[in-house]
Amino acid sequence: MKTGSALLLVVALAPAAGLRAQQPAVSTSASTWKRPAIHWGKWVTLGAAATLTALAEREHRSSQREWDQLLQICLANNNDCAIGTDGRYVTYQAELHYERSIYYAHRARRRLIGGQLGLLASAALFIADLHSGTDQPKNIPFHAMEVTPGLGGNGVNVGVRFAF
């Protein structure tokens, strides 16, 4: 009797479970996360490129300021810009301004290269985001004009639709 009840229960629940072909397809591809990652990633990389470029400009200004101070020392007294046998400035202040100028210039270069790489990545993501996988673009939702055959076959109906 218990076997009959179990069999009856299985037969009763089988239609509710549905067949495998009736189940919705589960996407195992990475496309579920790729679209948002590309869409938002292009803006993140563009923001990073702009930020790194602005930081590079700031570092360049610091380098230029240090270089100008070195030039002021040299213009005030040419002996303060003498270079020793080791290739360094003899005067401590002149060497300090020179080293700071080089330091800020290197920082500016690294940030500028990072900004250019970010801009390149952003351009690649903008191009990748253009591919939507359909024949019609997703970003043009306005399809207002509609032309259909007229009633009776001797004309056409033209309608305009506005969605609010």
N, C-alpha and C. Protein backbone atom coordinates (compact mmCIF):
# COMPACT_ATOMS: atom_id res chain seq x y z
N MET A 1 0.81 -1.18 0.00
CA MET A 1 0.00 0.00 0.00
C MET A 1 0.85 1.24 0.00
N LYS A 2 1.97 1.22 0.75
CA LYS A 2 2.82 2.38 0.79
C LYS A 2 3.46 2.63 -0.57
N THR A 3 3.79 1.59 -1.30
CA THR A 3 4.39 1.75 -2.61
C THR A 3 3.39 2.38 -3.56
N GLY A 4 2.15 2.01 -3.45
CA GLY A 4 1.11 2.60 -4.30
C GLY A 4 0.91 4.06 -4.00
N SER A 5 0.99 4.44 -2.71
CA SER A 5 0.84 5.85 -2.33
C SER A 5 2.00 6.69 -2.85
N ALA A 6 3.19 6.12 -2.77
CA ALA A 6 4.36 6.84 -3.27
C ALA A 6 4.29 7.01 -4.77
N LEU A 7 3.83 5.95 -5.47
CA LEU A 7 3.70 6.03 -6.91
C LEU A 7 2.62 7.03 -7.29
N LEU A 8 1.54 7.06 -6.56
CA LEU A 8 0.47 8.02 -6.81
C LEU A 8 0.97 9.45 -6.57
N LEU A 9 1.77 9.64 -5.54
CA LEU A 9 2.33 10.96 -5.25
C LEU A 9 3.27 11.41 -6.36
N VAL A 10 4.11 10.52 -6.86
CA VAL A 10 5.04 10.85 -7.95
C VAL A 10 4.26 11.20 -9.20
N VAL A 11 3.23 10.42 -9.53
CA VAL A 11 2.42 10.69 -10.72
C VAL A 11 1.67 12.01 -10.57
N ALA A 12 1.26 12.37 -9.39
CA ALA A 12 0.53 13.62 -9.16
C ALA A 12 1.45 14.83 -9.26
N LEU A 13 2.69 14.70 -8.78
CA LEU A 13 3.61 15.83 -8.79
C LEU A 13 4.39 15.98 -10.09
N ALA A 14 4.45 14.98 -10.93
CA ALA A 14 5.23 15.03 -12.16
C ALA A 14 4.80 16.16 -13.09
N PRO A 15 3.50 16.37 -13.34
CA PRO A 15 3.14 17.48 -14.23
C PRO A 15 3.50 18.85 -13.64
N ALA A 16 3.49 18.97 -12.34
CA ALA A 16 3.83 20.26 -11.71
C ALA A 16 5.32 20.56 -11.87
N ALA A 17 6.15 19.53 -11.89
CA ALA A 17 7.59 19.74 -12.03
C ALA A 17 7.94 20.17 -13.44
N GLY A 18 7.21 19.70 -14.43
CA GLY A 18 7.49 20.07 -15.82
C GLY A 18 8.66 19.28 -16.37
N LEU A 19 8.67 19.19 -17.66
CA LEU A 19 9.76 18.50 -18.32
C LEU A 19 10.95 19.43 -18.47
N ARG A 20 12.11 18.84 -18.70
CA ARG A 20 13.32 19.66 -18.83
C ARG A 20 13.21 20.62 -20.00
N ALA A 21 12.61 20.21 -21.09
CA ALA A 21 12.47 21.07 -22.26
C ALA A 21 11.54 22.24 -21.98
N GLN A 22 10.66 22.10 -21.00
CA GLN A 22 9.74 23.18 -20.67
C GLN A 22 10.35 24.21 -19.73
N GLN A 23 11.48 23.90 -19.14
CA GLN A 23 12.12 24.83 -18.21
C GLN A 23 12.80 25.95 -18.98
N PRO A 24 12.82 27.15 -18.42
CA PRO A 24 13.52 28.24 -19.10
C PRO A 24 15.02 27.96 -19.13
N ALA A 25 15.63 28.34 -20.23
CA ALA A 25 17.06 28.10 -20.40
C ALA A 25 17.84 28.97 -19.43
N VAL A 26 18.77 28.37 -18.74
CA VAL A 26 19.64 29.08 -17.82
C VAL A 26 20.90 29.46 -18.57
N SER A 27 21.18 30.73 -18.61
CA SER A 27 22.36 31.20 -19.32
C SER A 27 23.59 30.96 -18.45
N THR A 28 24.50 30.16 -18.97
CA THR A 28 25.74 29.91 -18.26
C THR A 28 26.86 30.79 -18.78
N SER A 29 26.54 31.59 -19.79
CA SER A 29 27.59 32.44 -20.34
C SER A 29 27.85 33.62 -19.42
N ALA A 30 28.93 34.27 -19.68
CA ALA A 30 29.32 35.43 -18.86
C ALA A 30 28.63 36.70 -19.34
N SER A 31 27.71 36.60 -20.32
CA SER A 31 27.08 37.80 -20.87
C SER A 31 26.18 38.48 -19.84
N THR A 32 25.78 37.78 -18.79
CA THR A 32 24.92 38.41 -17.79
C THR A 32 25.67 39.47 -17.00
N TRP A 33 26.97 39.33 -16.88
CA TRP A 33 27.73 40.35 -16.16
C TRP A 33 28.58 41.20 -17.10
N LYS A 34 28.78 40.75 -18.34
CA LYS A 34 29.62 41.50 -19.27
C LYS A 34 28.98 42.82 -19.68
N ARG A 35 27.70 42.82 -19.97
CA ARG A 35 27.06 44.05 -20.45
C ARG A 35 27.15 45.17 -19.41
N PRO A 36 26.75 44.94 -18.16
CA PRO A 36 26.89 46.03 -17.18
C PRO A 36 28.34 46.40 -16.90
N ALA A 37 29.24 45.40 -16.92
CA ALA A 37 30.65 45.69 -16.66
C ALA A 37 31.22 46.58 -17.75
N ILE A 38 30.87 46.31 -19.00
CA ILE A 38 31.35 47.15 -20.10
C ILE A 38 30.70 48.52 -20.03
N HIS A 39 29.40 48.55 -19.79
CA HIS A 39 28.68 49.83 -19.77
C HIS A 39 29.20 50.76 -18.68
N TRP A 40 29.37 50.25 -17.49
CA TRP A 40 29.84 51.11 -16.40
C TRP A 40 31.36 51.23 -16.39
N GLY A 41 32.04 50.23 -16.89
CA GLY A 41 33.50 50.27 -16.93
C GLY A 41 34.03 51.37 -17.83
N LYS A 42 33.31 51.67 -18.91
CA LYS A 42 33.77 52.72 -19.81
C LYS A 42 33.76 54.07 -19.10
N TRP A 43 32.80 54.29 -18.22
CA TRP A 43 32.74 55.56 -17.49
C TRP A 43 33.77 55.60 -16.37
N VAL A 44 34.01 54.46 -15.75
CA VAL A 44 35.02 54.41 -14.68
C VAL A 44 36.41 54.68 -15.26
N THR A 45 36.73 54.04 -16.40
CA THR A 45 38.04 54.26 -17.00
C THR A 45 38.17 55.68 -17.54
N LEU A 46 37.08 56.25 -18.04
CA LEU A 46 37.14 57.63 -18.51
C LEU A 46 37.37 58.59 -17.34
N GLY A 47 36.72 58.33 -16.21
CA GLY A 47 36.94 59.14 -15.02
C GLY A 47 38.36 58.99 -14.49
N ALA A 48 38.88 57.77 -14.53
CA ALA A 48 40.26 57.55 -14.09
C ALA A 48 41.24 58.27 -15.00
N ALA A 49 40.96 58.25 -16.31
CA ALA A 49 41.84 58.96 -17.25
C ALA A 49 41.84 60.45 -16.99
N ALA A 50 40.66 61.01 -16.75
CA ALA A 50 40.57 62.45 -16.47
C ALA A 50 41.27 62.79 -15.15
N THR A 51 41.08 61.96 -14.15
CA THR A 51 41.70 62.20 -12.84
C THR A 51 43.21 62.13 -12.93
N LEU A 52 43.73 61.09 -13.59
CA LEU A 52 45.18 60.95 -13.71
C LEU A 52 45.79 62.07 -14.54
N THR A 53 45.08 62.53 -15.55
CA THR A 53 45.58 63.65 -16.35
C THR A 53 45.63 64.93 -15.51
N ALA A 54 44.60 65.17 -14.71
CA ALA A 54 44.60 66.35 -13.84
C ALA A 54 45.72 66.25 -12.80
N LEU A 55 45.95 65.07 -12.26
CA LEU A 55 47.04 64.89 -11.30
C LEU A 55 48.41 65.09 -11.98
N ALA A 56 48.54 64.63 -13.23
CA ALA A 56 49.79 64.82 -13.96
C ALA A 56 50.05 66.31 -14.18
N GLU A 57 49.01 67.05 -14.47
CA GLU A 57 49.17 68.49 -14.66
C GLU A 57 49.61 69.17 -13.37
N ARG A 58 49.06 68.74 -12.25
CA ARG A 58 49.45 69.29 -10.96
C ARG A 58 50.91 68.98 -10.63
N GLU A 59 51.34 67.75 -10.90
CA GLU A 59 52.72 67.37 -10.66
C GLU A 59 53.67 68.13 -11.59
N HIS A 60 53.23 68.36 -12.82
CA HIS A 60 54.05 69.13 -13.75
C HIS A 60 54.24 70.57 -13.26
N ARG A 61 53.16 71.16 -12.73
CA ARG A 61 53.28 72.51 -12.17
C ARG A 61 54.25 72.53 -10.99
N SER A 62 54.22 71.52 -10.16
CA SER A 62 55.17 71.44 -9.04
C SER A 62 56.59 71.32 -9.54
N SER A 63 56.80 70.51 -10.57
CA SER A 63 58.13 70.36 -11.15
C SER A 63 58.62 71.68 -11.74
N GLN A 64 57.71 72.35 -12.43
CA GLN A 64 58.07 73.64 -13.04
C GLN A 64 58.39 74.69 -11.97
N ARG A 65 57.65 74.66 -10.86
CA ARG A 65 57.90 75.60 -9.77
C ARG A 65 59.30 75.38 -9.17
N GLU A 66 59.66 74.11 -8.95
CA GLU A 66 60.99 73.80 -8.41
C GLU A 66 62.09 74.20 -9.40
N TRP A 67 61.84 73.96 -10.69
CA TRP A 67 62.83 74.33 -11.70
C TRP A 67 63.01 75.85 -11.75
N ASP A 68 61.90 76.58 -11.65
CA ASP A 68 61.98 78.05 -11.65
C ASP A 68 62.76 78.56 -10.43
N GLN A 69 62.59 77.92 -9.29
CA GLN A 69 63.35 78.32 -8.10
C GLN A 69 64.84 78.02 -8.29
N LEU A 70 65.16 76.91 -8.96
CA LEU A 70 66.56 76.63 -9.27
C LEU A 70 67.13 77.70 -10.19
N LEU A 71 66.35 78.10 -11.19
CA LEU A 71 66.82 79.15 -12.09
C LEU A 71 67.00 80.48 -11.36
N GLN A 72 66.15 80.77 -10.40
CA GLN A 72 66.30 82.00 -9.62
C GLN A 72 67.60 81.99 -8.82
N ILE A 73 67.93 80.84 -8.26
CA ILE A 73 69.21 80.71 -7.54
C ILE A 73 70.37 80.94 -8.50
N CYS A 74 70.28 80.36 -9.69
CA CYS A 74 71.37 80.49 -10.66
C CYS A 74 71.48 81.92 -11.19
N LEU A 75 70.36 82.60 -11.38
CA LEU A 75 70.39 83.98 -11.86
C LEU A 75 70.89 84.93 -10.78
N ALA A 76 70.60 84.63 -9.53
CA ALA A 76 71.05 85.49 -8.44
C ALA A 76 72.56 85.41 -8.27
N ASN A 77 73.11 84.19 -8.33
CA ASN A 77 74.55 84.02 -8.17
C ASN A 77 74.96 82.80 -8.99
N ASN A 78 75.72 83.03 -10.03
CA ASN A 78 76.10 81.95 -10.94
C ASN A 78 76.98 80.91 -10.25
N ASN A 79 77.72 81.27 -9.24
CA ASN A 79 78.56 80.32 -8.52
C ASN A 79 77.74 79.28 -7.74
N ASP A 80 76.50 79.63 -7.40
CA ASP A 80 75.65 78.67 -6.69
C ASP A 80 75.19 77.53 -7.59
N CYS A 81 75.37 77.67 -8.89
CA CYS A 81 74.97 76.62 -9.83
C CYS A 81 76.15 75.80 -10.32
N ALA A 82 77.25 75.89 -9.64
CA ALA A 82 78.41 75.09 -10.02
C ALA A 82 78.14 73.62 -9.74
N ILE A 83 78.62 72.78 -10.64
CA ILE A 83 78.41 71.34 -10.52
C ILE A 83 79.73 70.70 -10.10
N GLY A 84 79.64 69.85 -9.09
CA GLY A 84 80.84 69.19 -8.57
C GLY A 84 81.29 68.03 -9.44
N THR A 85 82.32 67.35 -9.01
CA THR A 85 82.87 66.23 -9.78
C THR A 85 81.93 65.02 -9.80
N ASP A 86 81.05 64.94 -8.82
CA ASP A 86 80.09 63.83 -8.78
C ASP A 86 78.84 64.11 -9.61
N GLY A 87 78.77 65.25 -10.26
CA GLY A 87 77.63 65.58 -11.12
C GLY A 87 76.49 66.27 -10.39
N ARG A 88 76.68 66.58 -9.14
CA ARG A 88 75.65 67.25 -8.35
C ARG A 88 76.00 68.72 -8.20
N TYR A 89 74.94 69.48 -7.89
CA TYR A 89 75.18 70.90 -7.60
C TYR A 89 75.95 71.01 -6.29
N VAL A 90 76.87 71.95 -6.24
CA VAL A 90 77.67 72.13 -5.03
C VAL A 90 76.81 72.73 -3.92
N THR A 91 75.92 73.65 -4.28
CA THR A 91 75.06 74.29 -3.30
C THR A 91 73.89 73.34 -2.98
N TYR A 92 73.64 73.18 -1.68
CA TYR A 92 72.58 72.27 -1.23
C TYR A 92 71.21 72.68 -1.77
N GLN A 93 70.86 73.97 -1.71
CA GLN A 93 69.54 74.44 -2.16
C GLN A 93 69.35 74.19 -3.65
N ALA A 94 70.39 74.43 -4.44
CA ALA A 94 70.28 74.19 -5.89
C ALA A 94 70.05 72.71 -6.16
N GLU A 95 70.79 71.85 -5.49
CA GLU A 95 70.61 70.40 -5.67
C GLU A 95 69.23 69.96 -5.21
N LEU A 96 68.76 70.53 -4.11
CA LEU A 96 67.44 70.18 -3.59
C LEU A 96 66.34 70.53 -4.60
N HIS A 97 66.40 71.73 -5.17
CA HIS A 97 65.39 72.13 -6.15
C HIS A 97 65.48 71.27 -7.42
N TYR A 98 66.69 70.94 -7.81
CA TYR A 98 66.86 70.07 -8.99
C TYR A 98 66.27 68.69 -8.74
N GLU A 99 66.57 68.09 -7.61
CA GLU A 99 66.05 66.75 -7.29
C GLU A 99 64.54 66.76 -7.18
N ARG A 100 63.98 67.79 -6.56
CA ARG A 100 62.52 67.88 -6.46
C ARG A 100 61.88 68.05 -7.84
N SER A 101 62.52 68.82 -8.69
CA SER A 101 62.00 69.02 -10.05
C SER A 101 61.96 67.69 -10.80
N ILE A 102 63.03 66.91 -10.69
CA ILE A 102 63.08 65.60 -11.34
C ILE A 102 62.04 64.66 -10.74
N TYR A 103 61.90 64.70 -9.43
CA TYR A 103 60.94 63.84 -8.74
C TYR A 103 59.51 64.12 -9.24
N TYR A 104 59.12 65.38 -9.27
CA TYR A 104 57.77 65.74 -9.71
C TYR A 104 57.58 65.46 -11.21
N ALA A 105 58.63 65.63 -12.00
CA ALA A 105 58.53 65.35 -13.43
C ALA A 105 58.28 63.86 -13.67
N HIS A 106 58.94 63.00 -12.90
CA HIS A 106 58.73 61.56 -13.05
C HIS A 106 57.31 61.17 -12.61
N ARG A 107 56.86 61.77 -11.54
CA ARG A 107 55.48 61.50 -11.10
C ARG A 107 54.47 61.95 -12.16
N ALA A 108 54.70 63.11 -12.75
CA ALA A 108 53.81 63.61 -13.80
C ALA A 108 53.81 62.66 -14.99
N ARG A 109 54.97 62.16 -15.37
CA ARG A 109 55.06 61.25 -16.51
C ARG A 109 54.28 59.97 -16.24
N ARG A 110 54.45 59.41 -15.05
CA ARG A 110 53.73 58.16 -14.73
C ARG A 110 52.22 58.38 -14.72
N ARG A 111 51.77 59.50 -14.18
CA ARG A 111 50.33 59.77 -14.16
C ARG A 111 49.80 60.04 -15.56
N LEU A 112 50.57 60.70 -16.37
CA LEU A 112 50.13 60.97 -17.74
C LEU A 112 50.04 59.68 -18.55
N ILE A 113 50.99 58.78 -18.37
CA ILE A 113 50.92 57.49 -19.05
C ILE A 113 49.71 56.70 -18.56
N GLY A 114 49.45 56.73 -17.26
CA GLY A 114 48.26 56.06 -16.72
C GLY A 114 46.98 56.67 -17.27
N GLY A 115 46.94 57.98 -17.41
CA GLY A 115 45.76 58.63 -17.98
C GLY A 115 45.56 58.25 -19.43
N GLN A 116 46.64 58.14 -20.20
CA GLN A 116 46.53 57.74 -21.59
C GLN A 116 46.07 56.29 -21.71
N LEU A 117 46.58 55.43 -20.84
CA LEU A 117 46.12 54.03 -20.84
C LEU A 117 44.64 53.94 -20.46
N GLY A 118 44.22 54.77 -19.50
CA GLY A 118 42.81 54.80 -19.12
C GLY A 118 41.94 55.29 -20.26
N LEU A 119 42.42 56.28 -21.00
CA LEU A 119 41.67 56.78 -22.15
C LEU A 119 41.58 55.73 -23.25
N LEU A 120 42.65 55.00 -23.46
CA LEU A 120 42.65 53.93 -24.44
C LEU A 120 41.68 52.82 -24.03
N ALA A 121 41.69 52.45 -22.76
CA ALA A 121 40.76 51.42 -22.27
C ALA A 121 39.32 51.90 -22.38
N SER A 122 39.10 53.17 -22.08
CA SER A 122 37.76 53.72 -22.18
C SER A 122 37.26 53.70 -23.62
N ALA A 123 38.12 54.06 -24.56
CA ALA A 123 37.73 54.03 -25.98
C ALA A 123 37.40 52.60 -26.40
N ALA A 124 38.19 51.63 -25.96
CA ALA A 124 37.90 50.24 -26.30
C ALA A 124 36.56 49.79 -25.70
N LEU A 125 36.27 50.22 -24.47
CA LEU A 125 34.99 49.84 -23.86
C LEU A 125 33.82 50.56 -24.51
N PHE A 126 34.00 51.80 -24.97
CA PHE A 126 32.94 52.49 -25.70
C PHE A 126 32.63 51.74 -26.99
N ILE A 127 33.66 51.28 -27.69
CA ILE A 127 33.45 50.52 -28.92
C ILE A 127 32.78 49.18 -28.61
N ALA A 128 33.22 48.52 -27.54
CA ALA A 128 32.61 47.24 -27.16
C ALA A 128 31.16 47.42 -26.76
N ASP A 129 30.82 48.56 -26.20
CA ASP A 129 29.44 48.80 -25.77
C ASP A 129 28.52 49.07 -26.95
N LEU A 130 29.07 49.43 -28.10
CA LEU A 130 28.23 49.65 -29.28
C LEU A 130 27.58 48.37 -29.76
N HIS A 131 28.26 47.26 -29.58
CA HIS A 131 27.74 45.98 -30.03
C HIS A 131 26.67 45.51 -29.06
N SER A 132 25.42 45.55 -29.51
CA SER A 132 24.33 45.19 -28.61
C SER A 132 23.79 43.78 -28.87
N GLY A 133 24.19 43.14 -29.96
CA GLY A 133 23.74 41.79 -30.23
C GLY A 133 22.40 41.72 -30.95
N THR A 134 21.78 42.86 -31.27
CA THR A 134 20.53 42.88 -32.00
C THR A 134 20.71 43.72 -33.26
N ASP A 135 19.68 43.66 -34.14
CA ASP A 135 19.75 44.43 -35.37
C ASP A 135 19.44 45.90 -35.16
N GLN A 136 18.69 46.21 -34.12
CA GLN A 136 18.32 47.60 -33.87
C GLN A 136 19.05 48.11 -32.64
N PRO A 137 19.46 49.36 -32.68
CA PRO A 137 20.15 49.90 -31.50
C PRO A 137 19.20 50.04 -30.33
N LYS A 138 19.74 49.84 -29.12
CA LYS A 138 18.92 49.93 -27.92
C LYS A 138 18.72 51.36 -27.45
N ASN A 139 19.56 52.27 -27.87
CA ASN A 139 19.50 53.60 -27.31
C ASN A 139 18.65 54.58 -28.11
N ILE A 140 17.85 54.10 -29.06
CA ILE A 140 16.95 54.97 -29.81
C ILE A 140 15.52 54.42 -29.61
N PRO A 141 14.83 54.82 -28.56
CA PRO A 141 13.53 54.22 -28.25
C PRO A 141 12.38 54.86 -29.02
N PHE A 142 12.57 55.92 -29.79
CA PHE A 142 11.47 56.64 -30.41
C PHE A 142 11.14 56.03 -31.76
N HIS A 143 10.00 55.31 -31.86
CA HIS A 143 9.50 54.75 -33.10
C HIS A 143 8.08 55.27 -33.29
N ALA A 144 7.96 56.53 -33.58
CA ALA A 144 6.65 57.17 -33.57
C ALA A 144 5.88 57.00 -34.86
N MET A 145 6.54 56.97 -36.00
CA MET A 145 5.85 56.92 -37.29
C MET A 145 5.43 55.49 -37.59
N GLU A 146 4.17 55.33 -37.96
CA GLU A 146 3.66 54.01 -38.29
C GLU A 146 2.81 54.13 -39.55
N VAL A 147 3.13 53.34 -40.56
CA VAL A 147 2.39 53.34 -41.83
C VAL A 147 1.81 51.94 -42.01
N THR A 148 0.48 51.87 -42.17
CA THR A 148 -0.21 50.59 -42.34
C THR A 148 -1.15 50.68 -43.53
N PRO A 149 -1.52 49.54 -44.12
CA PRO A 149 -2.47 49.58 -45.23
C PRO A 149 -3.83 50.11 -44.74
N GLY A 150 -4.48 50.86 -45.59
CA GLY A 150 -5.77 51.45 -45.22
C GLY A 150 -6.89 50.42 -45.22
N LEU A 151 -7.99 50.78 -44.59
CA LEU A 151 -9.17 49.91 -44.58
C LEU A 151 -9.79 49.94 -45.96
N GLY A 152 -10.03 48.85 -46.54
CA GLY A 152 -10.64 48.79 -47.86
C GLY A 152 -9.61 48.63 -48.96
N GLY A 153 -8.32 48.77 -48.69
CA GLY A 153 -7.28 48.50 -49.67
C GLY A 153 -6.98 49.63 -50.62
N ASN A 154 -7.56 50.80 -50.46
CA ASN A 154 -7.30 51.88 -51.41
C ASN A 154 -6.61 53.07 -50.73
N GLY A 155 -5.61 52.83 -49.94
CA GLY A 155 -4.88 53.92 -49.31
C GLY A 155 -4.03 53.40 -48.16
N VAL A 156 -3.42 54.33 -47.47
CA VAL A 156 -2.62 53.96 -46.32
C VAL A 156 -2.99 54.85 -45.16
N ASN A 157 -2.80 54.33 -43.98
CA ASN A 157 -3.00 55.11 -42.76
C ASN A 157 -1.63 55.50 -42.22
N VAL A 158 -1.48 56.77 -41.89
CA VAL A 158 -0.23 57.26 -41.31
C VAL A 158 -0.57 57.73 -39.90
N GLY A 159 0.14 57.21 -38.94
CA GLY A 159 -0.13 57.59 -37.55
C GLY A 159 1.15 57.98 -36.84
N VAL A 160 1.02 58.85 -35.88
CA VAL A 160 2.14 59.25 -35.05
C VAL A 160 1.79 58.90 -33.62
N ARG A 161 2.74 58.32 -32.91
CA ARG A 161 2.51 57.84 -31.58
C ARG A 161 3.49 58.56 -30.62
N PHE A 162 2.99 59.07 -29.51
CA PHE A 162 3.82 59.71 -28.50
C PHE A 162 3.64 58.97 -27.18
N ALA A 163 4.73 58.52 -26.63
CA ALA A 163 4.68 57.80 -25.35
C ALA A 163 5.05 58.76 -24.23
N PHE A 164 4.27 58.76 -23.16
CA PHE A 164 4.54 59.65 -22.03
C PHE A 164 4.95 58.84 -20.83
